[in-house]
Amino acid sequence: MPLETVIKESKKTDFRTTIHSDQGWHYQNKHYVRQLKQAKLYQSMSRKGNCLDNALMENFFGLMKQEMYYRRHFSSYEELKQAVTKYIHYYNHYRIKAKLAGMSPVQYRIHTSQLAG
């Protein structure tokens, strides 16, 4: 997604927007960093040479590609965007995980918040 689109979309929320990336040269470019600061976007980077910093998201994207993306053809950006949105909803609300006691992430969060009372 182009940075201009991210900046535009970030203005629609009251929450802080974080842009996370590796330490690729284009993410360290002065112009790019300046644009983030001007838009009040928070920049987060993995530590150099440490792939474990982003392991959870890498795992999620791997699952999403395997379960939703591979062997499918999307005829437009909108169709892909809808498929990603639908998959994220499925993952959060319905996809059970053994590490979460056989619950989806949302179910587990509700369960643990009820236990905490």
PDB file of N, CA and C in Angstrom:
ATOM      1  N   MET A   1       0.848  -1.172   0.000  1.00  0.00           N
ATOM      2  CA  MET A   1       0.000   0.000   0.000  1.00  0.00           C
ATOM      3  C   MET A   1       0.892   1.232   0.000  1.00  0.00           C
ATOM      4  N   PRO A   2       0.643   2.160  -0.881  1.00  0.00           N
ATOM      5  CA  PRO A   2       1.468   3.373  -0.924  1.00  0.00           C
ATOM      6  C   PRO A   2       1.372   4.161   0.385  1.00  0.00           C
ATOM      7  N   LEU A   3       2.473   4.803   0.743  1.00  0.00           N
ATOM      8  CA  LEU A   3       2.531   5.565   1.987  1.00  0.00           C
ATOM      9  C   LEU A   3       1.454   6.645   2.033  1.00  0.00           C
ATOM     10  N   GLU A   4       1.175   7.275   0.907  1.00  0.00           N
ATOM     11  CA  GLU A   4       0.151   8.323   0.873  1.00  0.00           C
ATOM     12  C   GLU A   4      -1.210   7.776   1.309  1.00  0.00           C
ATOM     13  N   THR A   5      -1.518   6.550   0.902  1.00  0.00           N
ATOM     14  CA  THR A   5      -2.779   5.915   1.287  1.00  0.00           C
ATOM     15  C   THR A   5      -2.801   5.623   2.777  1.00  0.00           C
ATOM     16  N   VAL A   6      -1.687   5.142   3.303  1.00  0.00           N
ATOM     17  CA  VAL A   6      -1.588   4.861   4.743  1.00  0.00           C
ATOM     18  C   VAL A   6      -1.798   6.145   5.539  1.00  0.00           C
ATOM     19  N   ILE A   7      -1.163   7.217   5.112  1.00  0.00           N
ATOM     20  CA  ILE A   7      -1.303   8.507   5.800  1.00  0.00           C
ATOM     21  C   ILE A   7      -2.763   8.958   5.774  1.00  0.00           C
ATOM     22  N   LYS A   8      -3.392   8.854   4.623  1.00  0.00           N
ATOM     23  CA  LYS A   8      -4.799   9.257   4.484  1.00  0.00           C
ATOM     24  C   LYS A   8      -5.701   8.415   5.390  1.00  0.00           C
ATOM     25  N   GLU A   9      -5.501   7.102   5.386  1.00  0.00           N
ATOM     26  CA  GLU A   9      -6.332   6.206   6.193  1.00  0.00           C
ATOM     27  C   GLU A   9      -6.091   6.402   7.687  1.00  0.00           C
ATOM     28  N   SER A  10      -4.859   6.731   8.066  1.00  0.00           N
ATOM     29  CA  SER A  10      -4.538   6.890   9.492  1.00  0.00           C
ATOM     30  C   SER A  10      -5.277   8.074  10.110  1.00  0.00           C
ATOM     31  N   LYS A  11      -5.652   9.034   9.293  1.00  0.00           N
ATOM     32  CA  LYS A  11      -6.376  10.211   9.798  1.00  0.00           C
ATOM     33  C   LYS A  11      -7.814   9.885  10.181  1.00  0.00           C
ATOM     34  N   LYS A  12      -8.283   8.704   9.791  1.00  0.00           N
ATOM     35  CA  LYS A  12      -9.662   8.303  10.079  1.00  0.00           C
ATOM     36  C   LYS A  12      -9.805   7.639  11.446  1.00  0.00           C
ATOM     37  N   THR A  13      -8.723   7.493  12.181  1.00  0.00           N
ATOM     38  CA  THR A  13      -8.767   6.811  13.469  1.00  0.00           C
ATOM     39  C   THR A  13      -8.213   7.690  14.581  1.00  0.00           C
ATOM     40  N   ASP A  14      -8.676   7.428  15.771  1.00  0.00           N
ATOM     41  CA  ASP A  14      -8.152   8.134  16.940  1.00  0.00           C
ATOM     42  C   ASP A  14      -6.951   7.404  17.537  1.00  0.00           C
ATOM     43  N   PHE A  15      -6.675   6.210  17.046  1.00  0.00           N
ATOM     44  CA  PHE A  15      -5.585   5.404  17.568  1.00  0.00           C
ATOM     45  C   PHE A  15      -4.268   5.756  16.889  1.00  0.00           C
ATOM     46  N   ARG A  16      -3.184   5.537  17.603  1.00  0.00           N
ATOM     47  CA  ARG A  16      -1.860   5.762  17.034  1.00  0.00           C
ATOM     48  C   ARG A  16      -1.607   4.709  15.959  1.00  0.00           C
ATOM     49  N   THR A  17      -1.130   5.129  14.821  1.00  0.00           N
ATOM     50  CA  THR A  17      -0.809   4.209  13.733  1.00  0.00           C
ATOM     51  C   THR A  17       0.679   3.914  13.760  1.00  0.00           C
ATOM     52  N   THR A  18       1.014   2.628  13.750  1.00  0.00           N
ATOM     53  CA  THR A  18       2.403   2.193  13.760  1.00  0.00           C
ATOM     54  C   THR A  18       2.719   1.519  12.438  1.00  0.00           C
ATOM     55  N   ILE A  19       3.816   1.929  11.822  1.00  0.00           N
ATOM     56  CA  ILE A  19       4.308   1.315  10.594  1.00  0.00           C
ATOM     57  C   ILE A  19       5.513   0.468  10.991  1.00  0.00           C
ATOM     58  N   HIS A  20       5.387  -0.859  10.871  1.00  0.00           N
ATOM     59  CA  HIS A  20       6.485  -1.747  11.252  1.00  0.00           C
ATOM     60  C   HIS A  20       7.141  -2.304   9.994  1.00  0.00           C
ATOM     61  N   SER A  21       8.457  -2.346   9.994  1.00  0.00           N
ATOM     62  CA  SER A  21       9.190  -2.854   8.830  1.00  0.00           C
ATOM     63  C   SER A  21      10.513  -3.448   9.280  1.00  0.00           C
ATOM     64  N   ASP A  22      11.206  -4.026   8.310  1.00  0.00           N
ATOM     65  CA  ASP A  22      12.584  -4.418   8.575  1.00  0.00           C
ATOM     66  C   ASP A  22      13.442  -3.161   8.412  1.00  0.00           C
ATOM     67  N   GLN A  23      14.752  -3.329   8.389  1.00  0.00           N
ATOM     68  CA  GLN A  23      15.628  -2.163   8.286  1.00  0.00           C
ATOM     69  C   GLN A  23      16.104  -1.922   6.856  1.00  0.00           C
ATOM     70  N   GLY A  24      15.245  -2.228   5.897  1.00  0.00           N
ATOM     71  CA  GLY A  24      15.589  -1.978   4.498  1.00  0.00           C
ATOM     72  C   GLY A  24      15.929  -0.517   4.262  1.00  0.00           C
ATOM     73  N   TRP A  25      16.801  -0.255   3.300  1.00  0.00           N
ATOM     74  CA  TRP A  25      17.292   1.112   3.070  1.00  0.00           C
ATOM     75  C   TRP A  25      16.160   2.089   2.784  1.00  0.00           C
ATOM     76  N   HIS A  26      15.115   1.621   2.082  1.00  0.00           N
ATOM     77  CA  HIS A  26      14.018   2.523   1.720  1.00  0.00           C
ATOM     78  C   HIS A  26      13.213   2.959   2.944  1.00  0.00           C
ATOM     79  N   TYR A  27      13.224   2.161   4.024  1.00  0.00           N
ATOM     80  CA  TYR A  27      12.516   2.551   5.246  1.00  0.00           C
ATOM     81  C   TYR A  27      13.353   3.492   6.112  1.00  0.00           C
ATOM     82  N   GLN A  28      14.627   3.631   5.787  1.00  0.00           N
ATOM     83  CA  GLN A  28      15.504   4.539   6.519  1.00  0.00           C
ATOM     84  C   GLN A  28      15.755   5.829   5.738  1.00  0.00           C
ATOM     85  N   ASN A  29      15.222   5.893   4.529  1.00  0.00           N
ATOM     86  CA  ASN A  29      15.379   7.067   3.680  1.00  0.00           C
ATOM     87  C   ASN A  29      14.843   8.313   4.389  1.00  0.00           C
ATOM     88  N   LYS A  30      15.607   9.403   4.353  1.00  0.00           N
ATOM     89  CA  LYS A  30      15.232  10.634   5.071  1.00  0.00           C
ATOM     90  C   LYS A  30      13.856  11.152   4.659  1.00  0.00           C
ATOM     91  N   HIS A  31      13.556  11.089   3.372  1.00  0.00           N
ATOM     92  CA  HIS A  31      12.259  11.571   2.883  1.00  0.00           C
ATOM     93  C   HIS A  31      11.117  10.730   3.471  1.00  0.00           C
ATOM     94  N   TYR A  32      11.283   9.415   3.486  1.00  0.00           N
ATOM     95  CA  TYR A  32      10.270   8.499   4.029  1.00  0.00           C
ATOM     96  C   TYR A  32      10.055   8.762   5.519  1.00  0.00           C
ATOM     97  N   VAL A  33      11.149   8.856   6.271  1.00  0.00           N
ATOM     98  CA  VAL A  33      11.079   9.097   7.717  1.00  0.00           C
ATOM     99  C   VAL A  33      10.414  10.445   7.998  1.00  0.00           C
ATOM    100  N   ARG A  34      10.750  11.460   7.215  1.00  0.00           N
ATOM    101  CA  ARG A  34      10.159  12.789   7.385  1.00  0.00           C
ATOM    102  C   ARG A  34       8.644  12.747   7.152  1.00  0.00           C
ATOM    103  N   GLN A  35       8.221  12.027   6.118  1.00  0.00           N
ATOM    104  CA  GLN A  35       6.786  11.906   5.838  1.00  0.00           C
ATOM    105  C   GLN A  35       6.050  11.257   7.014  1.00  0.00           C
ATOM    106  N   LEU A  36       6.653  10.224   7.594  1.00  0.00           N
ATOM    107  CA  LEU A  36       6.029   9.571   8.749  1.00  0.00           C
ATOM    108  C   LEU A  36       5.892  10.541   9.918  1.00  0.00           C
ATOM    109  N   LYS A  37       6.968  11.278  10.201  1.00  0.00           N
ATOM    110  CA  LYS A  37       6.946  12.227  11.321  1.00  0.00           C
ATOM    111  C   LYS A  37       5.910  13.320  11.102  1.00  0.00           C
ATOM    112  N   GLN A  38       5.845  13.853   9.895  1.00  0.00           N
ATOM    113  CA  GLN A  38       4.880  14.914   9.593  1.00  0.00           C
ATOM    114  C   GLN A  38       3.441  14.426   9.746  1.00  0.00           C
ATOM    115  N   ALA A  39       3.212  13.167   9.425  1.00  0.00           N
ATOM    116  CA  ALA A  39       1.867  12.591   9.530  1.00  0.00           C
ATOM    117  C   ALA A  39       1.590  12.042  10.931  1.00  0.00           C
ATOM    118  N   LYS A  40       2.567  12.173  11.831  1.00  0.00           N
ATOM    119  CA  LYS A  40       2.453  11.663  13.206  1.00  0.00           C
ATOM    120  C   LYS A  40       2.218  10.154  13.233  1.00  0.00           C
ATOM    121  N   LEU A  41       2.929   9.450  12.346  1.00  0.00           N
ATOM    122  CA  LEU A  41       2.896   7.997  12.329  1.00  0.00           C
ATOM    123  C   LEU A  41       4.131   7.486  13.058  1.00  0.00           C
ATOM    124  N   TYR A  42       3.963   6.447  13.846  1.00  0.00           N
ATOM    125  CA  TYR A  42       5.048   5.885  14.631  1.00  0.00           C
ATOM    126  C   TYR A  42       5.776   4.838  13.795  1.00  0.00           C
ATOM    127  N   GLN A  43       7.088   4.952  13.715  1.00  0.00           N
ATOM    128  CA  GLN A  43       7.881   3.998  12.942  1.00  0.00           C
ATOM    129  C   GLN A  43       8.512   2.982  13.877  1.00  0.00           C
ATOM    130  N   SER A  44       8.347   1.717  13.543  1.00  0.00           N
ATOM    131  CA  SER A  44       8.904   0.615  14.318  1.00  0.00           C
ATOM    132  C   SER A  44       9.699  -0.269  13.368  1.00  0.00           C
ATOM    133  N   MET A  45      10.882  -0.667  13.797  1.00  0.00           N
ATOM    134  CA  MET A  45      11.719  -1.537  12.957  1.00  0.00           C
ATOM    135  C   MET A  45      12.232  -2.716  13.765  1.00  0.00           C
ATOM    136  N   SER A  46      12.347  -3.843  13.088  1.00  0.00           N
ATOM    137  CA  SER A  46      12.992  -4.994  13.701  1.00  0.00           C
ATOM    138  C   SER A  46      14.452  -4.663  13.938  1.00  0.00           C
ATOM    139  N   ARG A  47      15.028  -5.284  14.956  1.00  0.00           N
ATOM    140  CA  ARG A  47      16.453  -5.082  15.187  1.00  0.00           C
ATOM    141  C   ARG A  47      17.244  -5.716  14.043  1.00  0.00           C
ATOM    142  N   LYS A  48      18.365  -5.143  13.749  1.00  0.00           N
ATOM    143  CA  LYS A  48      19.201  -5.622  12.654  1.00  0.00           C
ATOM    144  C   LYS A  48      19.596  -7.082  12.886  1.00  0.00           C
ATOM    145  N   GLY A  49      19.334  -7.910  11.887  1.00  0.00           N
ATOM    146  CA  GLY A  49      19.741  -9.313  11.928  1.00  0.00           C
ATOM    147  C   GLY A  49      18.967 -10.164  12.912  1.00  0.00           C
ATOM    148  N   ASN A  50      17.801  -9.691  13.378  1.00  0.00           N
ATOM    149  CA  ASN A  50      17.034 -10.460  14.354  1.00  0.00           C
ATOM    150  C   ASN A  50      15.633 -10.732  13.810  1.00  0.00           C
ATOM    151  N   CYS A  51      15.493 -11.869  13.146  1.00  0.00           N
ATOM    152  CA  CYS A  51      14.205 -12.217  12.542  1.00  0.00           C
ATOM    153  C   CYS A  51      13.145 -12.542  13.593  1.00  0.00           C
ATOM    154  N   LEU A  52      13.563 -12.798  14.830  1.00  0.00           N
ATOM    155  CA  LEU A  52      12.610 -13.151  15.876  1.00  0.00           C
ATOM    156  C   LEU A  52      11.761 -11.967  16.328  1.00  0.00           C
ATOM    157  N   ASP A  53      12.215 -10.738  16.048  1.00  0.00           N
ATOM    158  CA  ASP A  53      11.450  -9.556  16.445  1.00  0.00           C
ATOM    159  C   ASP A  53      10.045  -9.557  15.863  1.00  0.00           C
ATOM    160  N   ASN A  54       9.895 -10.124  14.710  1.00  0.00           N
ATOM    161  CA  ASN A  54       8.613 -10.069  14.018  1.00  0.00           C
ATOM    162  C   ASN A  54       8.052 -11.466  13.769  1.00  0.00           C
ATOM    163  N   ALA A  55       8.452 -12.428  14.587  1.00  0.00           N
ATOM    164  CA  ALA A  55       8.093 -13.824  14.348  1.00  0.00           C
ATOM    165  C   ALA A  55       6.586 -14.061  14.352  1.00  0.00           C
ATOM    166  N   LEU A  56       5.859 -13.422  15.252  1.00  0.00           N
ATOM    167  CA  LEU A  56       4.410 -13.642  15.314  1.00  0.00           C
ATOM    168  C   LEU A  56       3.711 -13.171  14.044  1.00  0.00           C
ATOM    169  N   MET A  57       4.099 -11.998  13.552  1.00  0.00           N
ATOM    170  CA  MET A  57       3.467 -11.503  12.323  1.00  0.00           C
ATOM    171  C   MET A  57       3.904 -12.314  11.110  1.00  0.00           C
ATOM    172  N   GLU A  58       5.167 -12.721  11.083  1.00  0.00           N
ATOM    173  CA  GLU A  58       5.627 -13.565   9.975  1.00  0.00           C
ATOM    174  C   GLU A  58       4.840 -14.871   9.960  1.00  0.00           C
ATOM    175  N   ASN A  59       4.573 -15.434  11.136  1.00  0.00           N
ATOM    176  CA  ASN A  59       3.784 -16.653  11.235  1.00  0.00           C
ATOM    177  C   ASN A  59       2.365 -16.414  10.716  1.00  0.00           C
ATOM    178  N   PHE A  60       1.756 -15.311  11.138  1.00  0.00           N
ATOM    179  CA  PHE A  60       0.402 -14.991  10.680  1.00  0.00           C
ATOM    180  C   PHE A  60       0.356 -14.851   9.161  1.00  0.00           C
ATOM    181  N   PHE A  61       1.286 -14.087   8.593  1.00  0.00           N
ATOM    182  CA  PHE A  61       1.278 -13.886   7.143  1.00  0.00           C
ATOM    183  C   PHE A  61       1.527 -15.198   6.403  1.00  0.00           C
ATOM    184  N   GLY A  62       2.374 -16.069   6.961  1.00  0.00           N
ATOM    185  CA  GLY A  62       2.594 -17.380   6.357  1.00  0.00           C
ATOM    186  C   GLY A  62       1.313 -18.199   6.327  1.00  0.00           C
ATOM    187  N   LEU A  63       0.587 -18.203   7.450  1.00  0.00           N
ATOM    188  CA  LEU A  63      -0.693 -18.915   7.503  1.00  0.00           C
ATOM    189  C   LEU A  63      -1.696 -18.319   6.523  1.00  0.00           C
ATOM    190  N   MET A  64      -1.774 -16.998   6.498  1.00  0.00           N
ATOM    191  CA  MET A  64      -2.735 -16.344   5.612  1.00  0.00           C
ATOM    192  C   MET A  64      -2.439 -16.679   4.148  1.00  0.00           C
ATOM    193  N   LYS A  65      -1.179 -16.633   3.770  1.00  0.00           N
ATOM    194  CA  LYS A  65      -0.837 -16.959   2.380  1.00  0.00           C
ATOM    195  C   LYS A  65      -1.193 -18.407   2.073  1.00  0.00           C
ATOM    196  N   GLN A  66      -0.896 -19.301   3.009  1.00  0.00           N
ATOM    197  CA  GLN A  66      -1.163 -20.716   2.787  1.00  0.00           C
ATOM    198  C   GLN A  66      -2.664 -21.006   2.732  1.00  0.00           C
ATOM    199  N   GLU A  67      -3.426 -20.410   3.619  1.00  0.00           N
ATOM    200  CA  GLU A  67      -4.845 -20.726   3.735  1.00  0.00           C
ATOM    201  C   GLU A  67      -5.750 -19.887   2.827  1.00  0.00           C
ATOM    202  N   MET A  68      -5.308 -18.708   2.444  1.00  0.00           N
ATOM    203  CA  MET A  68      -6.195 -17.807   1.710  1.00  0.00           C
ATOM    204  C   MET A  68      -5.664 -17.406   0.338  1.00  0.00           C
ATOM    205  N   TYR A  69      -4.366 -17.290   0.187  1.00  0.00           N
ATOM    206  CA  TYR A  69      -3.807 -16.648  -1.001  1.00  0.00           C
ATOM    207  C   TYR A  69      -3.350 -17.619  -2.092  1.00  0.00           C
ATOM    208  N   TYR A  70      -2.533 -18.594  -1.718  1.00  0.00           N
ATOM    209  CA  TYR A  70      -1.964 -19.489  -2.726  1.00  0.00           C
ATOM    210  C   TYR A  70      -3.057 -20.238  -3.471  1.00  0.00           C
ATOM    211  N   ARG A  71      -2.841 -20.478  -4.741  1.00  0.00           N
ATOM    212  CA  ARG A  71      -3.740 -21.191  -5.655  1.00  0.00           C
ATOM    213  C   ARG A  71      -5.033 -20.440  -5.930  1.00  0.00           C
ATOM    214  N   ARG A  72      -5.059 -19.146  -5.632  1.00  0.00           N
ATOM    215  CA  ARG A  72      -6.231 -18.332  -5.955  1.00  0.00           C
ATOM    216  C   ARG A  72      -5.807 -17.223  -6.890  1.00  0.00           C
ATOM    217  N   HIS A  73      -6.728 -16.815  -7.718  1.00  0.00           N
ATOM    218  CA  HIS A  73      -6.476 -15.693  -8.618  1.00  0.00           C
ATOM    219  C   HIS A  73      -7.429 -14.568  -8.242  1.00  0.00           C
ATOM    220  N   PHE A  74      -6.891 -13.395  -8.030  1.00  0.00           N
ATOM    221  CA  PHE A  74      -7.706 -12.226  -7.709  1.00  0.00           C
ATOM    222  C   PHE A  74      -7.731 -11.325  -8.936  1.00  0.00           C
ATOM    223  N   SER A  75      -8.916 -10.970  -9.370  1.00  0.00           N
ATOM    224  CA  SER A  75      -9.038 -10.189 -10.599  1.00  0.00           C
ATOM    225  C   SER A  75      -8.858  -8.694 -10.381  1.00  0.00           C
ATOM    226  N   SER A  76      -8.833  -8.267  -9.115  1.00  0.00           N
ATOM    227  CA  SER A  76      -8.644  -6.844  -8.849  1.00  0.00           C
ATOM    228  C   SER A  76      -8.064  -6.651  -7.448  1.00  0.00           C
ATOM    229  N   TYR A  77      -7.555  -5.462  -7.225  1.00  0.00           N
ATOM    230  CA  TYR A  77      -7.049  -5.107  -5.901  1.00  0.00           C
ATOM    231  C   TYR A  77      -8.181  -5.167  -4.879  1.00  0.00           C
ATOM    232  N   GLU A  78      -9.368  -4.701  -5.258  1.00  0.00           N
ATOM    233  CA  GLU A  78     -10.525  -4.712  -4.352  1.00  0.00           C
ATOM    234  C   GLU A  78     -10.878  -6.127  -3.927  1.00  0.00           C
ATOM    235  N   GLU A  79     -10.830  -7.066  -4.871  1.00  0.00           N
ATOM    236  CA  GLU A  79     -11.143  -8.458  -4.556  1.00  0.00           C
ATOM    237  C   GLU A  79     -10.122  -9.023  -3.566  1.00  0.00           C
ATOM    238  N   LEU A  80      -8.844  -8.723  -3.774  1.00  0.00           N
ATOM    239  CA  LEU A  80      -7.801  -9.161  -2.845  1.00  0.00           C
ATOM    240  C   LEU A  80      -8.007  -8.524  -1.472  1.00  0.00           C
ATOM    241  N   LYS A  81      -8.293  -7.235  -1.453  1.00  0.00           N
ATOM    242  CA  LYS A  81      -8.509  -6.511  -0.193  1.00  0.00           C
ATOM    243  C   LYS A  81      -9.676  -7.121   0.591  1.00  0.00           C
ATOM    244  N   GLN A  82     -10.760  -7.450  -0.097  1.00  0.00           N
ATOM    245  CA  GLN A  82     -11.909  -8.076   0.561  1.00  0.00           C
ATOM    246  C   GLN A  82     -11.552  -9.455   1.106  1.00  0.00           C
ATOM    247  N   ALA A  83     -10.767 -10.216   0.349  1.00  0.00           N
ATOM    248  CA  ALA A  83     -10.357 -11.547   0.800  1.00  0.00           C
ATOM    249  C   ALA A  83      -9.483 -11.454   2.048  1.00  0.00           C
ATOM    250  N   VAL A  84      -8.579 -10.481   2.088  1.00  0.00           N
ATOM    251  CA  VAL A  84      -7.716 -10.292   3.261  1.00  0.00           C
ATOM    252  C   VAL A  84      -8.560  -9.895   4.470  1.00  0.00           C
ATOM    253  N   THR A  85      -9.475  -8.960   4.289  1.00  0.00           N
ATOM    254  CA  THR A  85     -10.352  -8.523   5.380  1.00  0.00           C
ATOM    255  C   THR A  85     -11.178  -9.691   5.917  1.00  0.00           C
ATOM    256  N   LYS A  86     -11.724 -10.484   5.011  1.00  0.00           N
ATOM    257  CA  LYS A  86     -12.529 -11.642   5.400  1.00  0.00           C
ATOM    258  C   LYS A  86     -11.671 -12.667   6.150  1.00  0.00           C
ATOM    259  N   TYR A  87     -10.441 -12.897   5.673  1.00  0.00           N
ATOM    260  CA  TYR A  87      -9.565 -13.857   6.338  1.00  0.00           C
ATOM    261  C   TYR A  87      -9.193 -13.384   7.739  1.00  0.00           C
ATOM    262  N   ILE A  88      -8.888 -12.107   7.909  1.00  0.00           N
ATOM    263  CA  ILE A  88      -8.523 -11.582   9.229  1.00  0.00           C
ATOM    264  C   ILE A  88      -9.691 -11.761  10.199  1.00  0.00           C
ATOM    265  N   HIS A  89     -10.907 -11.507   9.733  1.00  0.00           N
ATOM    266  CA  HIS A  89     -12.086 -11.721  10.581  1.00  0.00           C
ATOM    267  C   HIS A  89     -12.200 -13.204  10.957  1.00  0.00           C
ATOM    268  N   TYR A  90     -12.048 -14.076   9.972  1.00  0.00           N
ATOM    269  CA  TYR A  90     -12.085 -15.519  10.228  1.00  0.00           C
ATOM    270  C   TYR A  90     -11.013 -15.907  11.240  1.00  0.00           C
ATOM    271  N   TYR A  91      -9.793 -15.451  11.038  1.00  0.00           N
ATOM    272  CA  TYR A  91      -8.678 -15.806  11.916  1.00  0.00           C
ATOM    273  C   TYR A  91      -8.954 -15.362  13.353  1.00  0.00           C
ATOM    274  N   ASN A  92      -9.423 -14.145  13.519  1.00  0.00           N
ATOM    275  CA  ASN A  92      -9.650 -13.604  14.864  1.00  0.00           C
ATOM    276  C   ASN A  92     -10.856 -14.214  15.571  1.00  0.00           C
ATOM    277  N   HIS A  93     -11.915 -14.530  14.820  1.00  0.00           N
ATOM    278  CA  HIS A  93     -13.166 -14.949  15.449  1.00  0.00           C
ATOM    279  C   HIS A  93     -13.442 -16.448  15.403  1.00  0.00           C
ATOM    280  N   TYR A  94     -12.898 -17.175  14.434  1.00  0.00           N
ATOM    281  CA  TYR A  94     -13.282 -18.573  14.251  1.00  0.00           C
ATOM    282  C   TYR A  94     -12.129 -19.573  14.224  1.00  0.00           C
ATOM    283  N   ARG A  95     -10.949 -19.163  13.811  1.00  0.00           N
ATOM    284  CA  ARG A  95      -9.842 -20.110  13.665  1.00  0.00           C
ATOM    285  C   ARG A  95      -9.289 -20.463  15.038  1.00  0.00           C
ATOM    286  N   ILE A  96      -9.496 -21.708  15.452  1.00  0.00           N
ATOM    287  CA  ILE A  96      -9.041 -22.112  16.780  1.00  0.00           C
ATOM    288  C   ILE A  96      -7.547 -22.397  16.770  1.00  0.00           C
ATOM    289  N   LYS A  97      -6.941 -22.200  17.933  1.00  0.00           N
ATOM    290  CA  LYS A  97      -5.510 -22.439  18.084  1.00  0.00           C
ATOM    291  C   LYS A  97      -5.297 -23.296  19.322  1.00  0.00           C
ATOM    292  N   ALA A  98      -4.485 -24.327  19.198  1.00  0.00           N
ATOM    293  CA  ALA A  98      -4.188 -25.195  20.338  1.00  0.00           C
ATOM    294  C   ALA A  98      -3.571 -24.403  21.488  1.00  0.00           C
ATOM    295  N   LYS A  99      -2.705 -23.432  21.161  1.00  0.00           N
ATOM    296  CA  LYS A  99      -2.046 -22.634  22.203  1.00  0.00           C
ATOM    297  C   LYS A  99      -3.021 -21.757  22.977  1.00  0.00           C
ATOM    298  N   LEU A 100      -4.210 -21.551  22.436  1.00  0.00           N
ATOM    299  CA  LEU A 100      -5.223 -20.738  23.109  1.00  0.00           C
ATOM    300  C   LEU A 100      -6.340 -21.625  23.655  1.00  0.00           C
ATOM    301  N   ALA A 101      -5.974 -22.814  24.103  1.00  0.00           N
ATOM    302  CA  ALA A 101      -6.921 -23.765  24.708  1.00  0.00           C
ATOM    303  C   ALA A 101      -8.062 -24.120  23.757  1.00  0.00           C
ATOM    304  N   GLY A 102      -7.753 -24.200  22.468  1.00  0.00           N
ATOM    305  CA  GLY A 102      -8.755 -24.582  21.477  1.00  0.00           C
ATOM    306  C   GLY A 102      -9.769 -23.497  21.166  1.00  0.00           C
ATOM    307  N   MET A 103      -9.410 -22.249  21.466  1.00  0.00           N
ATOM    308  CA  MET A 103     -10.308 -21.120  21.201  1.00  0.00           C
ATOM    309  C   MET A 103      -9.709 -20.225  20.127  1.00  0.00           C
ATOM    310  N   SER A 104     -10.571 -19.399  19.538  1.00  0.00           N
ATOM    311  CA  SER A 104     -10.079 -18.376  18.614  1.00  0.00           C
ATOM    312  C   SER A 104      -9.471 -17.248  19.446  1.00  0.00           C
ATOM    313  N   PRO A 105      -8.674 -16.367  18.838  1.00  0.00           N
ATOM    314  CA  PRO A 105      -8.107 -15.253  19.609  1.00  0.00           C
ATOM    315  C   PRO A 105      -9.156 -14.399  20.324  1.00  0.00           C
ATOM    316  N   VAL A 106     -10.268 -14.098  19.669  1.00  0.00           N
ATOM    317  CA  VAL A 106     -11.309 -13.289  20.311  1.00  0.00           C
ATOM    318  C   VAL A 106     -11.954 -14.060  21.460  1.00  0.00           C
ATOM    319  N   GLN A 107     -12.260 -15.322  21.242  1.00  0.00           N
ATOM    320  CA  GLN A 107     -12.842 -16.133  22.314  1.00  0.00           C
ATOM    321  C   GLN A 107     -11.895 -16.204  23.513  1.00  0.00           C
ATOM    322  N   TYR A 108     -10.617 -16.381  23.241  1.00  0.00           N
ATOM    323  CA  TYR A 108      -9.631 -16.481  24.316  1.00  0.00           C
ATOM    324  C   TYR A 108      -9.528 -15.167  25.090  1.00  0.00           C
ATOM    325  N   ARG A 109      -9.531 -14.054  24.383  1.00  0.00           N
ATOM    326  CA  ARG A 109      -9.462 -12.746  25.056  1.00  0.00           C
ATOM    327  C   ARG A 109     -10.684 -12.534  25.947  1.00  0.00           C
ATOM    328  N   ILE A 110     -11.861 -12.878  25.455  1.00  0.00           N
ATOM    329  CA  ILE A 110     -13.078 -12.748  26.262  1.00  0.00           C
ATOM    330  C   ILE A 110     -12.990 -13.659  27.483  1.00  0.00           C
ATOM    331  N   HIS A 111     -12.567 -14.895  27.264  1.00  0.00           N
ATOM    332  CA  HIS A 111     -12.447 -15.870  28.352  1.00  0.00           C
ATOM    333  C   HIS A 111     -11.484 -15.380  29.434  1.00  0.00           C
ATOM    334  N   THR A 112     -10.309 -14.930  29.036  1.00  0.00           N
ATOM    335  CA  THR A 112      -9.325 -14.492  30.036  1.00  0.00           C
ATOM    336  C   THR A 112      -9.758 -13.207  30.734  1.00  0.00           C
ATOM    337  N   SER A 113     -10.456 -12.324  30.033  1.00  0.00           N
ATOM    338  CA  SER A 113     -10.922 -11.097  30.698  1.00  0.00           C
ATOM    339  C   SER A 113     -12.022 -11.419  31.707  1.00  0.00           C
ATOM    340  N   GLN A 114     -12.840 -12.433  31.423  1.00  0.00           N
ATOM    341  CA  GLN A 114     -13.862 -12.847  32.385  1.00  0.00           C
ATOM    342  C   GLN A 114     -13.230 -13.485  33.616  1.00  0.00           C
ATOM    343  N   LEU A 115     -12.163 -14.244  33.410  1.00  0.00           N
ATOM    344  CA  LEU A 115     -11.464 -14.854  34.543  1.00  0.00           C
ATOM    345  C   LEU A 115     -10.822 -13.794  35.427  1.00  0.00           C
ATOM    346  N   ALA A 116     -10.322 -12.744  34.788  1.00  0.00           N
ATOM    347  CA  ALA A 116      -9.668 -11.671  35.537  1.00  0.00           C
ATOM    348  C   ALA A 116     -10.694 -10.831  36.290  1.00  0.00           C
ATOM    349  N   GLY A 117     -11.943 -10.906  35.820  1.00  0.00           N
ATOM    350  CA  GLY A 117     -13.074 -10.319  36.482  1.00  0.00           C
ATOM    351  C   GLY A 117     -13.152  -8.889  36.628  1.00  0.00           C
TER     352      GLY A 117
END
